[in-house]
PDB file of N, CA and C in Angstrom:
ATOM      1  N   MET A   1     166.721  81.655 131.017  1.00  0.00           N
ATOM      2  CA  MET A   1     166.632  81.758 129.573  1.00  0.00           C
ATOM      3  C   MET A   1     168.048  81.858 129.019  1.00  0.00           C
ATOM      4  N   THR A   2     168.282  81.251 127.909  1.00  0.00           N
ATOM      5  CA  THR A   2     169.598  81.320 127.279  1.00  0.00           C
ATOM      6  C   THR A   2     169.634  82.443 126.255  1.00  0.00           C
ATOM      7  N   ILE A   3     170.834  82.866 125.923  1.00  0.00           N
ATOM      8  CA  ILE A   3     171.034  83.833 124.847  1.00  0.00           C
ATOM      9  C   ILE A   3     171.413  82.994 123.629  1.00  0.00           C
ATOM     10  N   SER A   4     170.485  82.841 122.700  1.00  0.00           N
ATOM     11  CA  SER A   4     170.694  81.924 121.581  1.00  0.00           C
ATOM     12  C   SER A   4     171.044  82.632 120.274  1.00  0.00           C
ATOM     13  N   THR A   5     171.332  83.913 120.341  1.00  0.00           N
ATOM     14  CA  THR A   5     171.712  84.654 119.144  1.00  0.00           C
ATOM     15  C   THR A   5     172.871  85.582 119.466  1.00  0.00           C
ATOM     16  N   ILE A   6     173.683  85.890 118.470  1.00  0.00           N
ATOM     17  CA  ILE A   6     174.765  86.844 118.691  1.00  0.00           C
ATOM     18  C   ILE A   6     174.323  88.272 118.366  1.00  0.00           C
ATOM     19  N   ALA A   7     173.088  88.420 117.926  1.00  0.00           N
ATOM     20  CA  ALA A   7     172.580  89.748 117.558  1.00  0.00           C
ATOM     21  C   ALA A   7     172.541  90.659 118.785  1.00  0.00           C
ATOM     22  N   ASN A   8     172.992  91.869 118.621  1.00  0.00           N
ATOM     23  CA  ASN A   8     172.853  92.867 119.664  1.00  0.00           C
ATOM     24  C   ASN A   8     172.546  94.248 119.068  1.00  0.00           C
ATOM     25  N   ARG A   9     172.176  94.219 117.788  1.00  0.00           N
ATOM     26  CA  ARG A   9     171.756  95.457 117.131  1.00  0.00           C
ATOM     27  C   ARG A   9     170.832  95.113 115.982  1.00  0.00           C
ATOM     28  N   ALA A  10     170.009  96.073 115.625  1.00  0.00           N
ATOM     29  CA  ALA A  10     169.132  95.938 114.465  1.00  0.00           C
ATOM     30  C   ALA A  10     169.195  97.256 113.704  1.00  0.00           C
ATOM     31  N   ASP A  11     169.347  97.165 112.394  1.00  0.00           N
ATOM     32  CA  ASP A  11     169.465  98.349 111.545  1.00  0.00           C
ATOM     33  C   ASP A  11     168.308  98.406 110.557  1.00  0.00           C
ATOM     34  N   PHE A  12     167.771  99.593 110.390  1.00  0.00           N
ATOM     35  CA  PHE A  12     166.633  99.811 109.501  1.00  0.00           C
ATOM     36  C   PHE A  12     166.829 101.116 108.749  1.00  0.00           C
ATOM     37  N   SER A  13     165.927 101.354 107.813  1.00  0.00           N
ATOM     38  CA  SER A  13     165.884 102.618 107.092  1.00  0.00           C
ATOM     39  C   SER A  13     164.496 103.212 107.283  1.00  0.00           C
ATOM     40  N   GLY A  14     164.446 104.458 107.729  1.00  0.00           N
ATOM     41  CA  GLY A  14     163.168 105.115 107.951  1.00  0.00           C
ATOM     42  C   GLY A  14     162.439 105.354 106.634  1.00  0.00           C
ATOM     43  N   ASN A  15     161.093 105.469 106.724  1.00  0.00           N
ATOM     44  CA  ASN A  15     160.295 105.743 105.517  1.00  0.00           C
ATOM     45  C   ASN A  15     159.242 106.814 105.759  1.00  0.00           C
ATOM     46  N   ALA A  16     159.343 107.542 106.869  1.00  0.00           N
ATOM     47  CA  ALA A  16     158.433 108.619 107.257  1.00  0.00           C
ATOM     48  C   ALA A  16     157.034 108.119 107.609  1.00  0.00           C
ATOM     49  N   CYS A  17     156.814 106.811 107.605  1.00  0.00           N
ATOM     50  CA  CYS A  17     155.505 106.240 107.965  1.00  0.00           C
ATOM     51  C   CYS A  17     155.606 105.269 109.138  1.00  0.00           C
ATOM     52  N   THR A  18     156.625 104.408 109.117  1.00  0.00           N
ATOM     53  CA  THR A  18     156.756 103.357 110.120  1.00  0.00           C
ATOM     54  C   THR A  18     157.290 103.916 111.429  1.00  0.00           C
ATOM     55  N   LYS A  19     156.541 103.661 112.509  1.00  0.00           N
ATOM     56  CA  LYS A  19     156.957 104.108 113.841  1.00  0.00           C
ATOM     57  C   LYS A  19     157.484 102.962 114.696  1.00  0.00           C
ATOM     58  N   THR A  20     157.143 101.721 114.346  1.00  0.00           N
ATOM     59  CA  THR A  20     157.487 100.562 115.165  1.00  0.00           C
ATOM     60  C   THR A  20     158.547  99.714 114.480  1.00  0.00           C
ATOM     61  N   PHE A  21     159.602  99.398 115.224  1.00  0.00           N
ATOM     62  CA  PHE A  21     160.712  98.600 114.718  1.00  0.00           C
ATOM     63  C   PHE A  21     160.984  97.470 115.706  1.00  0.00           C
ATOM     64  N   SER A  22     161.252  96.276 115.173  1.00  0.00           N
ATOM     65  CA  SER A  22     161.446  95.090 116.007  1.00  0.00           C
ATOM     66  C   SER A  22     162.895  94.913 116.417  1.00  0.00           C
ATOM     67  N   ILE A  23     163.074  94.460 117.664  1.00  0.00           N
ATOM     68  CA  ILE A  23     164.371  93.975 118.112  1.00  0.00           C
ATOM     69  C   ILE A  23     164.201  92.477 118.338  1.00  0.00           C
ATOM     70  N   THR A  24     165.174  91.699 117.923  1.00  0.00           N
ATOM     71  CA  THR A  24     165.054  90.242 117.985  1.00  0.00           C
ATOM     72  C   THR A  24     165.980  89.643 119.037  1.00  0.00           C
ATOM     73  N   TYR A  25     166.438  90.472 119.945  1.00  0.00           N
ATOM     74  CA  TYR A  25     167.344  90.015 120.987  1.00  0.00           C
ATOM     75  C   TYR A  25     166.849  90.534 122.333  1.00  0.00           C
ATOM     76  N   LYS A  26     167.273  89.855 123.387  1.00  0.00           N
ATOM     77  CA  LYS A  26     166.833  90.184 124.739  1.00  0.00           C
ATOM     78  C   LYS A  26     167.517  91.441 125.251  1.00  0.00           C
ATOM     79  N   ILE A  27     166.744  92.286 125.930  1.00  0.00           N
ATOM     80  CA  ILE A  27     167.306  93.390 126.706  1.00  0.00           C
ATOM     81  C   ILE A  27     166.771  93.251 128.123  1.00  0.00           C
ATOM     82  N   LEU A  28     167.591  93.603 129.089  1.00  0.00           N
ATOM     83  CA  LEU A  28     167.208  93.440 130.493  1.00  0.00           C
ATOM     84  C   LEU A  28     166.472  94.647 131.041  1.00  0.00           C
ATOM     85  N   ALA A  29     166.645  95.811 130.407  1.00  0.00           N
ATOM     86  CA  ALA A  29     165.970  97.046 130.827  1.00  0.00           C
ATOM     87  C   ALA A  29     165.815  97.944 129.605  1.00  0.00           C
ATOM     88  N   ALA A  30     164.802  98.776 129.606  1.00  0.00           N
ATOM     89  CA  ALA A  30     164.587  99.693 128.479  1.00  0.00           C
ATOM     90  C   ALA A  30     165.783 100.625 128.301  1.00  0.00           C
ATOM     91  N   THR A  31     166.458 100.937 129.392  1.00  0.00           N
ATOM     92  CA  THR A  31     167.630 101.815 129.328  1.00  0.00           C
ATOM     93  C   THR A  31     168.865 101.118 128.757  1.00  0.00           C
ATOM     94  N   ASP A  32     168.770  99.803 128.514  1.00  0.00           N
ATOM     95  CA  ASP A  32     169.885  99.048 127.928  1.00  0.00           C
ATOM     96  C   ASP A  32     169.876  99.103 126.403  1.00  0.00           C
ATOM     97  N   LEU A  33     169.125 100.020 125.841  1.00  0.00           N
ATOM     98  CA  LEU A  33     169.016 100.120 124.391  1.00  0.00           C
ATOM     99  C   LEU A  33     169.326 101.546 123.957  1.00  0.00           C
ATOM    100  N   ASP A  34     170.317 101.691 123.072  1.00  0.00           N
ATOM    101  CA  ASP A  34     170.603 102.992 122.452  1.00  0.00           C
ATOM    102  C   ASP A  34     169.909 103.007 121.101  1.00  0.00           C
ATOM    103  N   VAL A  35     169.168 104.065 120.850  1.00  0.00           N
ATOM    104  CA  VAL A  35     168.414 104.186 119.598  1.00  0.00           C
ATOM    105  C   VAL A  35     168.928 105.415 118.860  1.00  0.00           C
ATOM    106  N   TYR A  36     169.444 105.167 117.658  1.00  0.00           N
ATOM    107  CA  TYR A  36     169.997 106.232 116.828  1.00  0.00           C
ATOM    108  C   TYR A  36     169.127 106.441 115.602  1.00  0.00           C
ATOM    109  N   VAL A  37     168.911 107.693 115.241  1.00  0.00           N
ATOM    110  CA  VAL A  37     168.263 108.044 113.981  1.00  0.00           C
ATOM    111  C   VAL A  37     169.201 109.011 113.280  1.00  0.00           C
ATOM    112  N   ASP A  38     169.597 108.644 112.067  1.00  0.00           N
ATOM    113  CA  ASP A  38     170.528 109.445 111.282  1.00  0.00           C
ATOM    114  C   ASP A  38     171.803 109.735 112.082  1.00  0.00           C
ATOM    115  N   ASN A  39     172.291 108.701 112.784  1.00  0.00           N
ATOM    116  CA  ASN A  39     173.524 108.768 113.559  1.00  0.00           C
ATOM    117  C   ASN A  39     173.431 109.651 114.802  1.00  0.00           C
ATOM    118  N   CYS A  40     172.230 110.040 115.214  1.00  0.00           N
ATOM    119  CA  CYS A  40     172.035 110.855 116.417  1.00  0.00           C
ATOM    120  C   CYS A  40     171.313 110.032 117.476  1.00  0.00           C
ATOM    121  N   LEU A  41     171.844 110.021 118.679  1.00  0.00           N
ATOM    122  CA  LEU A  41     171.237 109.291 119.776  1.00  0.00           C
ATOM    123  C   LEU A  41     169.925 109.963 120.170  1.00  0.00           C
ATOM    124  N   THR A  42     168.852 109.162 120.261  1.00  0.00           N
ATOM    125  CA  THR A  42     167.550 109.683 120.657  1.00  0.00           C
ATOM    126  C   THR A  42     167.323 109.393 122.142  1.00  0.00           C
ATOM    127  N   THR A  43     166.208 109.894 122.685  1.00  0.00           N
ATOM    128  CA  THR A  43     165.958 109.818 124.120  1.00  0.00           C
ATOM    129  C   THR A  43     164.744 108.955 124.438  1.00  0.00           C
ATOM    130  N   LEU A  44     164.941 107.996 125.345  1.00  0.00           N
ATOM    131  CA  LEU A  44     163.864 107.138 125.819  1.00  0.00           C
ATOM    132  C   LEU A  44     162.767 107.997 126.443  1.00  0.00           C
ATOM    133  N   THR A  45     161.545 107.676 126.183  1.00  0.00           N
ATOM    134  CA  THR A  45     160.296 108.325 126.605  1.00  0.00           C
ATOM    135  C   THR A  45     160.024 109.650 125.884  1.00  0.00           C
ATOM    136  N   THR A  46     161.061 110.375 125.497  1.00  0.00           N
ATOM    137  CA  THR A  46     160.858 111.617 124.738  1.00  0.00           C
ATOM    138  C   THR A  46     160.660 111.307 123.262  1.00  0.00           C
ATOM    139  N   ASP A  47     161.536 110.461 122.707  1.00  0.00           N
ATOM    140  CA  ASP A  47     161.518 110.147 121.279  1.00  0.00           C
ATOM    141  C   ASP A  47     160.942 108.769 120.964  1.00  0.00           C
ATOM    142  N   PHE A  48     161.035 107.838 121.918  1.00  0.00           N
ATOM    143  CA  PHE A  48     160.594 106.472 121.653  1.00  0.00           C
ATOM    144  C   PHE A  48     160.257 105.765 122.962  1.00  0.00           C
ATOM    145  N   SER A  49     159.569 104.626 122.829  1.00  0.00           N
ATOM    146  CA  SER A  49     159.307 103.741 123.961  1.00  0.00           C
ATOM    147  C   SER A  49     159.739 102.332 123.568  1.00  0.00           C
ATOM    148  N   VAL A  50     159.915 101.485 124.570  1.00  0.00           N
ATOM    149  CA  VAL A  50     160.373 100.116 124.344  1.00  0.00           C
ATOM    150  C   VAL A  50     159.399  99.154 125.000  1.00  0.00           C
ATOM    151  N   SER A  51     159.062  98.083 124.286  1.00  0.00           N
ATOM    152  CA  SER A  51     158.268  97.002 124.873  1.00  0.00           C
ATOM    153  C   SER A  51     159.032  95.699 124.719  1.00  0.00           C
ATOM    154  N   GLY A  52     158.682  94.705 125.517  1.00  0.00           N
ATOM    155  CA  GLY A  52     159.332  93.401 125.430  1.00  0.00           C
ATOM    156  C   GLY A  52     160.572  93.271 126.277  1.00  0.00           C
ATOM    157  N   VAL A  53     160.750  94.156 127.251  1.00  0.00           N
ATOM    158  CA  VAL A  53     161.918  94.073 128.126  1.00  0.00           C
ATOM    159  C   VAL A  53     161.914  92.728 128.850  1.00  0.00           C
ATOM    160  N   GLY A  54     163.038  92.043 128.810  1.00  0.00           N
ATOM    161  CA  GLY A  54     163.181  90.752 129.467  1.00  0.00           C
ATOM    162  C   GLY A  54     162.754  89.563 128.625  1.00  0.00           C
ATOM    163  N   ALA A  55     162.098  89.804 127.501  1.00  0.00           N
ATOM    164  CA  ALA A  55     161.642  88.704 126.644  1.00  0.00           C
ATOM    165  C   ALA A  55     162.807  88.162 125.815  1.00  0.00           C
ATOM    166  N   ALA A  56     162.962  86.860 125.817  1.00  0.00           N
ATOM    167  CA  ALA A  56     164.056  86.237 125.061  1.00  0.00           C
ATOM    168  C   ALA A  56     163.938  86.495 123.572  1.00  0.00           C
ATOM    169  N   THR A  57     162.719  86.673 123.085  1.00  0.00           N
ATOM    170  CA  THR A  57     162.493  86.879 121.653  1.00  0.00           C
ATOM    171  C   THR A  57     162.588  88.341 121.244  1.00  0.00           C
ATOM    172  N   GLY A  58     162.848  89.232 122.181  1.00  0.00           N
ATOM    173  CA  GLY A  58     162.986  90.647 121.868  1.00  0.00           C
ATOM    174  C   GLY A  58     161.714  91.419 122.090  1.00  0.00           C
ATOM    175  N   GLY A  59     161.565  92.507 121.380  1.00  0.00           N
ATOM    176  CA  GLY A  59     160.414  93.375 121.551  1.00  0.00           C
ATOM    177  C   GLY A  59     160.347  94.392 120.449  1.00  0.00           C
ATOM    178  N   THR A  60     159.838  95.568 120.785  1.00  0.00           N
ATOM    179  CA  THR A  60     159.702  96.617 119.778  1.00  0.00           C
ATOM    180  C   THR A  60     160.113  97.971 120.338  1.00  0.00           C
ATOM    181  N   VAL A  61     160.560  98.807 119.433  1.00  0.00           N
ATOM    182  CA  VAL A  61     160.804 100.216 119.705  1.00  0.00           C
ATOM    183  C   VAL A  61     159.745 100.977 118.925  1.00  0.00           C
ATOM    184  N   THR A  62     159.029 101.843 119.609  1.00  0.00           N
ATOM    185  CA  THR A  62     157.994 102.643 118.970  1.00  0.00           C
ATOM    186  C   THR A  62     158.359 104.115 119.096  1.00  0.00           C
ATOM    187  N   PHE A  63     158.521 104.765 117.957  1.00  0.00           N
ATOM    188  CA  PHE A  63     158.873 106.183 117.932  1.00  0.00           C
ATOM    189  C   PHE A  63     157.635 107.047 118.094  1.00  0.00           C
ATOM    190  N   VAL A  64     157.802 108.217 118.659  1.00  0.00           N
ATOM    191  CA  VAL A  64     156.736 109.207 118.748  1.00  0.00           C
ATOM    192  C   VAL A  64     156.415 109.707 117.340  1.00  0.00           C
ATOM    193  N   SER A  65     157.460 109.990 116.573  1.00  0.00           N
ATOM    194  CA  SER A  65     157.324 110.397 115.167  1.00  0.00           C
ATOM    195  C   SER A  65     158.150 109.454 114.308  1.00  0.00           C
ATOM    196  N   ALA A  66     157.600 109.025 113.204  1.00  0.00           N
ATOM    197  CA  ALA A  66     158.300 108.097 112.312  1.00  0.00           C
ATOM    198  C   ALA A  66     159.580 108.728 111.773  1.00  0.00           C
ATOM    199  N   PRO A  67     160.698 107.987 111.795  1.00  0.00           N
ATOM    200  CA  PRO A  67     161.934 108.490 111.195  1.00  0.00           C
ATOM    201  C   PRO A  67     161.735 108.777 109.702  1.00  0.00           C
ATOM    202  N   GLY A  68     162.342 109.843 109.230  1.00  0.00           N
ATOM    203  CA  GLY A  68     162.174 110.283 107.852  1.00  0.00           C
ATOM    204  C   GLY A  68     162.679 109.303 106.816  1.00  0.00           C
ATOM    205  N   CYS A  69     162.270 109.525 105.580  1.00  0.00           N
ATOM    206  CA  CYS A  69     162.656 108.661 104.452  1.00  0.00           C
ATOM    207  C   CYS A  69     164.166 108.563 104.311  1.00  0.00           C
ATOM    208  N   GLY A  70     164.648 107.320 104.278  1.00  0.00           N
ATOM    209  CA  GLY A  70     166.060 107.067 104.051  1.00  0.00           C
ATOM    210  C   GLY A  70     166.961 107.286 105.256  1.00  0.00           C
ATOM    211  N   LEU A  71     166.413 107.728 106.380  1.00  0.00           N
ATOM    212  CA  LEU A  71     167.259 107.944 107.555  1.00  0.00           C
ATOM    213  C   LEU A  71     167.604 106.598 108.197  1.00  0.00           C
ATOM    214  N   ALA A  72     168.875 106.435 108.552  1.00  0.00           N
ATOM    215  CA  ALA A  72     169.328 105.211 109.202  1.00  0.00           C
ATOM    216  C   ALA A  72     168.796 105.147 110.624  1.00  0.00           C
ATOM    217  N   VAL A  73     168.239 103.991 110.971  1.00  0.00           N
ATOM    218  CA  VAL A  73     167.745 103.733 112.328  1.00  0.00           C
ATOM    219  C   VAL A  73     168.553 102.558 112.867  1.00  0.00           C
ATOM    220  N   ALA A  74     169.219 102.758 113.992  1.00  0.00           N
ATOM    221  CA  ALA A  74     170.017 101.696 114.611  1.00  0.00           C
ATOM    222  C   ALA A  74     169.550 101.497 116.049  1.00  0.00           C
ATOM    223  N   LEU A  75     169.204 100.248 116.370  1.00  0.00           N
ATOM    224  CA  LEU A  75     168.789  99.876 117.717  1.00  0.00           C
ATOM    225  C   LEU A  75     169.904  99.005 118.289  1.00  0.00           C
ATOM    226  N   VAL A  76     170.669  99.553 119.221  1.00  0.00           N
ATOM    227  CA  VAL A  76     171.890  98.914 119.690  1.00  0.00           C
ATOM    228  C   VAL A  76     171.802  98.642 121.194  1.00  0.00           C
ATOM    229  N   ARG A  77     171.960  97.358 121.562  1.00  0.00           N
ATOM    230  CA  ARG A  77     171.961  97.025 122.993  1.00  0.00           C
ATOM    231  C   ARG A  77     173.201  97.627 123.631  1.00  0.00           C
ATOM    232  N   ASP A  78     173.026  98.287 124.766  1.00  0.00           N
ATOM    233  CA  ASP A  78     174.129  98.933 125.482  1.00  0.00           C
ATOM    234  C   ASP A  78     173.943  98.667 126.976  1.00  0.00           C
ATOM    235  N   VAL A  79     174.431  97.509 127.405  1.00  0.00           N
ATOM    236  CA  VAL A  79     174.292  97.083 128.793  1.00  0.00           C
ATOM    237  C   VAL A  79     175.370  97.770 129.628  1.00  0.00           C
ATOM    238  N   PRO A  80     175.016  98.292 130.809  1.00  0.00           N
ATOM    239  CA  PRO A  80     176.043  98.928 131.649  1.00  0.00           C
ATOM    240  C   PRO A  80     177.092  97.902 132.121  1.00  0.00           C
ATOM    241  N   TYR A  81     178.316  98.353 132.227  1.00  0.00           N
ATOM    242  CA  TYR A  81     179.425  97.495 132.647  1.00  0.00           C
ATOM    243  C   TYR A  81     179.472  97.415 134.177  1.00  0.00           C
ATOM    244  N   THR A  82     178.402  96.874 134.745  1.00  0.00           N
ATOM    245  CA  THR A  82     178.303  96.729 136.197  1.00  0.00           C
ATOM    246  C   THR A  82     177.848  95.306 136.527  1.00  0.00           C
ATOM    247  N   GLN A  83     177.958  94.935 137.803  1.00  0.00           N
ATOM    248  CA  GLN A  83     177.508  93.625 138.269  1.00  0.00           C
ATOM    249  C   GLN A  83     176.603  93.880 139.469  1.00  0.00           C
ATOM    250  N   ALA A  84     175.314  93.652 139.313  1.00  0.00           N
ATOM    251  CA  ALA A  84     174.356  93.981 140.364  1.00  0.00           C
ATOM    252  C   ALA A  84     173.796  92.761 141.088  1.00  0.00           C
ATOM    253  N   THR A  85     174.192  91.560 140.704  1.00  0.00           N
ATOM    254  CA  THR A  85     173.652  90.360 141.339  1.00  0.00           C
ATOM    255  C   THR A  85     174.407  90.068 142.625  1.00  0.00           C
ATOM    256  N   ALA A  86     173.649  89.872 143.722  1.00  0.00           N
ATOM    257  CA  ALA A  86     174.250  89.539 145.014  1.00  0.00           C
ATOM    258  C   ALA A  86     173.798  88.145 145.430  1.00  0.00           C
ATOM    259  N   TYR A  87     174.696  87.413 146.061  1.00  0.00           N
ATOM    260  CA  TYR A  87     174.400  86.069 146.546  1.00  0.00           C
ATOM    261  C   TYR A  87     174.560  86.053 148.067  1.00  0.00           C
ATOM    262  N   PRO A  88     173.460  86.242 148.809  1.00  0.00           N
ATOM    263  CA  PRO A  88     173.552  86.218 150.279  1.00  0.00           C
ATOM    264  C   PRO A  88     173.970  84.834 150.775  1.00  0.00           C
ATOM    265  N   GLU A  89     174.815  84.813 151.793  1.00  0.00           N
ATOM    266  CA  GLU A  89     175.285  83.549 152.363  1.00  0.00           C
ATOM    267  C   GLU A  89     174.130  82.752 152.962  1.00  0.00           C
ATOM    268  N   ASN A  90     174.208  81.453 152.804  1.00  0.00           N
ATOM    269  CA  ASN A  90     173.264  80.507 153.397  1.00  0.00           C
ATOM    270  C   ASN A  90     171.831  80.631 152.890  1.00  0.00           C
ATOM    271  N   ASN A  91     171.631  81.306 151.776  1.00  0.00           N
ATOM    272  CA  ASN A  91     170.308  81.365 151.149  1.00  0.00           C
ATOM    273  C   ASN A  91     170.233  80.306 150.060  1.00  0.00           C
ATOM    274  N   PRO A  92     169.028  79.909 149.685  1.00  0.00           N
ATOM    275  CA  PRO A  92     168.904  78.986 148.554  1.00  0.00           C
ATOM    276  C   PRO A  92     169.510  79.615 147.301  1.00  0.00           C
ATOM    277  N   PHE A  93     170.044  78.758 146.436  1.00  0.00           N
ATOM    278  CA  PHE A  93     170.666  79.268 145.211  1.00  0.00           C
ATOM    279  C   PHE A  93     169.615  79.950 144.338  1.00  0.00           C
ATOM    280  N   PRO A  94     169.834  81.212 143.985  1.00  0.00           N
ATOM    281  CA  PRO A  94     168.851  81.969 143.190  1.00  0.00           C
ATOM    282  C   PRO A  94     169.028  81.716 141.694  1.00  0.00           C
ATOM    283  N   ALA A  95     168.469  80.626 141.211  1.00  0.00           N
ATOM    284  CA  ALA A  95     168.684  80.226 139.814  1.00  0.00           C
ATOM    285  C   ALA A  95     168.282  81.307 138.821  1.00  0.00           C
ATOM    286  N   ALA A  96     167.139  81.946 139.030  1.00  0.00           N
ATOM    287  CA  ALA A  96     166.660  82.950 138.062  1.00  0.00           C
ATOM    288  C   ALA A  96     167.590  84.152 137.984  1.00  0.00           C
ATOM    289  N   SER A  97     168.000  84.681 139.134  1.00  0.00           N
ATOM    290  CA  SER A  97     168.891  85.843 139.088  1.00  0.00           C
ATOM    291  C   SER A  97     170.288  85.448 138.619  1.00  0.00           C
ATOM    292  N   HIS A  98     170.710  84.221 138.904  1.00  0.00           N
ATOM    293  CA  HIS A  98     171.992  83.743 138.393  1.00  0.00           C
ATOM    294  C   HIS A  98     171.956  83.637 136.867  1.00  0.00           C
ATOM    295  N   GLU A  99     170.859  83.119 136.337  1.00  0.00           N
ATOM    296  CA  GLU A  99     170.684  83.030 134.873  1.00  0.00           C
ATOM    297  C   GLU A  99     170.713  84.423 134.256  1.00  0.00           C
ATOM    298  N   ASP A 100     170.043  85.397 134.881  1.00  0.00           N
ATOM    299  CA  ASP A 100     170.068  86.781 134.375  1.00  0.00           C
ATOM    300  C   ASP A 100     171.484  87.344 134.392  1.00  0.00           C
ATOM    301  N   ALA A 101     172.249  87.025 135.444  1.00  0.00           N
ATOM    302  CA  ALA A 101     173.629  87.507 135.525  1.00  0.00           C
ATOM    303  C   ALA A 101     174.485  86.911 134.415  1.00  0.00           C
ATOM    304  N   LEU A 102     174.303  85.616 134.136  1.00  0.00           N
ATOM    305  CA  LEU A 102     175.039  84.987 133.036  1.00  0.00           C
ATOM    306  C   LEU A 102     174.609  85.570 131.690  1.00  0.00           C
ATOM    307  N   ASP A 103     173.313  85.830 131.543  1.00  0.00           N
ATOM    308  CA  ASP A 103     172.825  86.472 130.321  1.00  0.00           C
ATOM    309  C   ASP A 103     173.487  87.828 130.134  1.00  0.00           C
ATOM    310  N   LYS A 104     173.588  88.599 131.231  1.00  0.00           N
ATOM    311  CA  LYS A 104     174.199  89.921 131.130  1.00  0.00           C
ATOM    312  C   LYS A 104     175.666  89.803 130.719  1.00  0.00           C
ATOM    313  N   LEU A 105     176.377  88.838 131.276  1.00  0.00           N
ATOM    314  CA  LEU A 105     177.777  88.640 130.882  1.00  0.00           C
ATOM    315  C   LEU A 105     177.888  88.321 129.397  1.00  0.00           C
ATOM    316  N   THR A 106     176.995  87.474 128.902  1.00  0.00           N
ATOM    317  CA  THR A 106     176.989  87.139 127.478  1.00  0.00           C
ATOM    318  C   THR A 106     176.702  88.390 126.651  1.00  0.00           C
ATOM    319  N   MET A 107     175.758  89.195 127.097  1.00  0.00           N
ATOM    320  CA  MET A 107     175.433  90.435 126.388  1.00  0.00           C
ATOM    321  C   MET A 107     176.628  91.385 126.367  1.00  0.00           C
ATOM    322  N   LEU A 108     177.344  91.460 127.480  1.00  0.00           N
ATOM    323  CA  LEU A 108     178.527  92.323 127.528  1.00  0.00           C
ATOM    324  C   LEU A 108     179.606  91.853 126.561  1.00  0.00           C
ATOM    325  N   VAL A 109     179.815  90.548 126.472  1.00  0.00           N
ATOM    326  CA  VAL A 109     180.796  90.005 125.515  1.00  0.00           C
ATOM    327  C   VAL A 109     180.363  90.346 124.094  1.00  0.00           C
ATOM    328  N   GLN A 110     179.070  90.202 123.801  1.00  0.00           N
ATOM    329  CA  GLN A 110     178.567  90.544 122.465  1.00  0.00           C
ATOM    330  C   GLN A 110     178.742  92.035 122.190  1.00  0.00           C
ATOM    331  N   GLN A 111     178.545  92.841 123.213  1.00  0.00           N
ATOM    332  CA  GLN A 111     178.702  94.292 123.071  1.00  0.00           C
ATOM    333  C   GLN A 111     180.152  94.648 122.752  1.00  0.00           C
ATOM    334  N   VAL A 112     181.090  94.049 123.458  1.00  0.00           N
ATOM    335  CA  VAL A 112     182.515  94.292 123.193  1.00  0.00           C
ATOM    336  C   VAL A 112     182.877  93.787 121.803  1.00  0.00           C
ATOM    337  N   ARG A 113     182.318  92.640 121.410  1.00  0.00           N
ATOM    338  CA  ARG A 113     182.561  92.111 120.059  1.00  0.00           C
ATOM    339  C   ARG A 113     182.096  93.119 119.011  1.00  0.00           C
ATOM    340  N   GLU A 114     180.915  93.688 119.207  1.00  0.00           N
ATOM    341  CA  GLU A 114     180.379  94.689 118.273  1.00  0.00           C
ATOM    342  C   GLU A 114     181.339  95.870 118.148  1.00  0.00           C
ATOM    343  N   LEU A 115     181.866  96.328 119.265  1.00  0.00           N
ATOM    344  CA  LEU A 115     182.824  97.442 119.234  1.00  0.00           C
ATOM    345  C   LEU A 115     184.103  97.040 118.514  1.00  0.00           C
ATOM    346  N   THR A 116     184.549  95.816 118.760  1.00  0.00           N
ATOM    347  CA  THR A 116     185.796  95.339 118.163  1.00  0.00           C
ATOM    348  C   THR A 116     185.696  95.184 116.651  1.00  0.00           C
ATOM    349  N   ILE A 117     184.601  94.626 116.169  1.00  0.00           N
ATOM    350  CA  ILE A 117     184.501  94.404 114.727  1.00  0.00           C
ATOM    351  C   ILE A 117     184.254  95.698 113.959  1.00  0.00           C
ATOM    352  N   ARG A 118     183.927  96.777 114.663  1.00  0.00           N
ATOM    353  CA  ARG A 118     183.688  98.055 114.006  1.00  0.00           C
ATOM    354  C   ARG A 118     184.895  98.992 114.098  1.00  0.00           C
ATOM    355  N   THR A 119     186.050  98.471 114.521  1.00  0.00           N
ATOM    356  CA  THR A 119     187.252  99.298 114.653  1.00  0.00           C
ATOM    357  C   THR A 119     188.377  98.754 113.769  1.00  0.00           C
ATOM    358  N   TRP A 120     189.359  99.603 113.522  1.00  0.00           N
ATOM    359  CA  TRP A 120     190.550  99.160 112.799  1.00  0.00           C
ATOM    360  C   TRP A 120     191.341  98.242 113.704  1.00  0.00           C
ATOM    361  N   ARG A 121     191.949  97.202 113.130  1.00  0.00           N
ATOM    362  CA  ARG A 121     192.747  96.285 113.914  1.00  0.00           C
ATOM    363  C   ARG A 121     193.753  95.576 113.014  1.00  0.00           C
ATOM    364  N   PHE A 122     194.767  94.996 113.641  1.00  0.00           N
ATOM    365  CA  PHE A 122     195.749  94.205 112.913  1.00  0.00           C
ATOM    366  C   PHE A 122     195.172  92.834 112.607  1.00  0.00           C
ATOM    367  N   ALA A 123     195.580  92.249 111.499  1.00  0.00           N
ATOM    368  CA  ALA A 123     195.170  90.893 111.157  1.00  0.00           C
ATOM    369  C   ALA A 123     195.718  89.921 112.189  1.00  0.00           C
ATOM    370  N   ALA A 124     195.030  88.814 112.427  1.00  0.00           N
ATOM    371  CA  ALA A 124     195.443  87.845 113.437  1.00  0.00           C
ATOM    372  C   ALA A 124     196.855  87.329 113.199  1.00  0.00           C
ATOM    373  N   GLY A 125     197.271  87.211 111.957  1.00  0.00           N
ATOM    374  CA  GLY A 125     198.591  86.680 111.651  1.00  0.00           C
ATOM    375  C   GLY A 125     199.692  87.726 111.558  1.00  0.00           C
ATOM    376  N   SER A 126     199.363  88.990 111.765  1.00  0.00           N
ATOM    377  CA  SER A 126     200.391  90.023 111.627  1.00  0.00           C
ATOM    378  C   SER A 126     201.288  90.061 112.861  1.00  0.00           C
ATOM    379  N   VAL A 127     202.523  90.480 112.632  1.00  0.00           N
ATOM    380  CA  VAL A 127     203.482  90.603 113.725  1.00  0.00           C
ATOM    381  C   VAL A 127     203.354  92.003 114.307  1.00  0.00           C
ATOM    382  N   ARG A 128     203.247  92.065 115.620  1.00  0.00           N
ATOM    383  CA  ARG A 128     203.163  93.387 116.259  1.00  0.00           C
ATOM    384  C   ARG A 128     204.518  94.063 116.238  1.00  0.00           C
ATOM    385  N   ALA A 129     204.531  95.343 116.011  1.00  0.00           N
ATOM    386  CA  ALA A 129     205.792  96.084 115.954  1.00  0.00           C
ATOM    387  C   ALA A 129     206.140  96.650 117.308  1.00  0.00           C
TER     388      ALA A 129
END
């Protein structure tokens, strides 16, 4: 599966009624998603659950209790900076796991981009001192 979007986060506003929020990007594991309510990191299985893991079209985050009115809800992909794909010698080429590894690399680049665009930086044309 290809990564056809640069999205790696979804932002919402709580209304004290809605418990389910959509993610429109792929995650490889439920633990690859940081969920914030009012700028506080919540806990998987205690505060919310995730469905659609591995789906190219994304999935949903379902809260145990609906986030309060006006509270910021941020669903941010947070892939670990590790490489877990192994290629045993003389085995057939593992296309599916290779595709997942490339997807993870793309997700990591998007994650670093998200961090970069949210920080102070010099303009591209500025001279470094």
